Protein backbone atom coordinates (compact mmCIF):
# COMPACT_ATOMS: atom_id res chain seq x y z
CA MET A 1 -11.10 -100.15 23.84
CA PRO A 2 -10.91 -96.52 22.47
CA SER A 3 -11.98 -93.88 24.60
CA PRO A 4 -15.55 -92.78 24.06
CA VAL A 5 -16.15 -89.16 22.53
CA VAL A 6 -17.87 -86.87 25.45
CA VAL A 7 -20.01 -84.03 24.28
CA ASP A 8 -22.43 -81.89 25.81
CA ALA A 9 -26.17 -81.98 24.61
CA GLY A 10 -26.74 -80.06 21.47
CA GLU A 11 -23.33 -79.59 20.52
CA LEU A 12 -23.47 -82.07 17.56
CA SER A 13 -26.23 -82.53 14.80
CA THR A 14 -27.84 -85.95 14.87
CA ASP A 15 -26.06 -86.60 11.34
CA GLU A 16 -23.07 -85.64 13.01
CA LEU A 17 -23.70 -88.11 15.86
CA VAL A 18 -25.37 -90.87 13.86
CA ALA A 19 -22.33 -90.64 11.79
CA ALA A 20 -19.78 -91.11 14.67
CA LEU A 21 -21.44 -94.46 15.80
CA HIS A 22 -21.15 -95.95 12.36
CA ASP A 23 -17.84 -94.94 12.45
CA GLY A 24 -17.53 -97.29 15.54
CA GLN A 25 -17.01 -94.22 18.43
CA ARG A 26 -19.01 -94.55 21.51
CA ILE A 27 -20.32 -91.39 22.62
CA VAL A 28 -21.16 -90.07 25.97
CA VAL A 29 -23.09 -87.05 26.07
CA ASN A 30 -23.51 -85.00 29.38
CA THR A 31 -27.00 -83.45 29.46
CA SER A 32 -29.38 -82.59 32.46
CA LEU A 33 -32.52 -83.93 34.22
CA PHE A 34 -34.08 -81.98 36.85
CA GLY A 35 -31.01 -80.09 37.16
CA THR A 36 -29.38 -82.75 37.79
CA GLN A 37 -26.47 -83.42 35.20
CA LYS A 38 -26.28 -86.85 33.71
CA GLN A 39 -24.19 -89.24 31.27
CA VAL A 40 -25.86 -91.23 28.62
CA THR A 41 -23.71 -93.38 26.70
CA LEU A 42 -25.00 -93.87 22.99
CA ARG A 43 -23.05 -97.18 20.55
CA PHE A 44 -23.68 -99.40 17.82
CA ASP A 45 -22.44 -102.78 17.45
CA GLY A 46 -23.24 -102.97 13.58
CA GLU A 47 -26.68 -104.10 14.20
CA THR A 48 -28.34 -102.70 17.33
CA TYR A 49 -28.08 -99.28 18.41
CA TYR A 50 -27.73 -98.79 22.20
CA CYS A 51 -28.81 -95.69 24.49
CA ASP A 52 -27.53 -96.22 27.85
CA THR A 53 -29.05 -93.71 30.63
CA PRO A 54 -28.37 -94.38 34.09
CA THR A 55 -31.76 -95.89 34.78
CA ARG A 56 -32.51 -97.72 31.71
CA LEU A 57 -30.48 -99.39 27.94
CA HIS A 58 -32.73 -98.77 25.55
CA LYS A 59 -32.24 -100.71 22.16
CA HIS A 60 -32.91 -99.64 18.75
CA THR A 61 -32.69 -102.08 15.79
CA THR A 62 -32.66 -99.59 13.18
CA GLU A 63 -30.99 -95.67 12.21
CA ALA A 64 -34.54 -93.92 12.38
CA GLU A 65 -36.02 -95.44 15.51
CA MET A 66 -31.98 -94.58 16.90
CA ARG A 67 -32.64 -91.01 15.71
CA THR A 68 -36.23 -90.85 17.25
CA CYS A 69 -34.75 -91.77 20.52
CA ILE A 70 -31.93 -88.88 19.81
CA LEU A 71 -34.12 -86.52 19.03
CA LYS A 72 -36.98 -86.69 21.38
CA ASN A 73 -34.20 -87.07 24.26
CA GLY A 74 -32.27 -83.73 22.92
CA TYR A 75 -29.34 -85.06 22.87
CA THR A 76 -28.33 -83.33 19.77
CA ARG A 77 -28.68 -79.25 18.14
CA ASP A 78 -32.28 -79.11 16.22
CA ASP A 79 -31.21 -78.83 12.72
CA ALA A 80 -33.20 -78.01 10.04
CA ASP A 81 -31.23 -79.47 7.77
CA GLU A 82 -32.00 -83.17 9.64
CA SER A 83 -32.10 -86.26 7.22
CA GLY A 84 -34.46 -89.02 8.85
């Protein structure tokens, strides 16, 4: 299995992140919660989107659901030209 792409929260746009998932990349997002650093792994198996946090595995069945999760949790930068 190839090494995941590692990014800091806000480094990519949502479009860039979703495109990487569709290309088969696993993405590890470095983020912080209440001052504590954590890593979240995002992946797509061709059918289901996964958002694996240290405490919970979120599953999303549509790209729109995954985009909402990504944006809600602040994993990407806030670009005005985001599609969705």
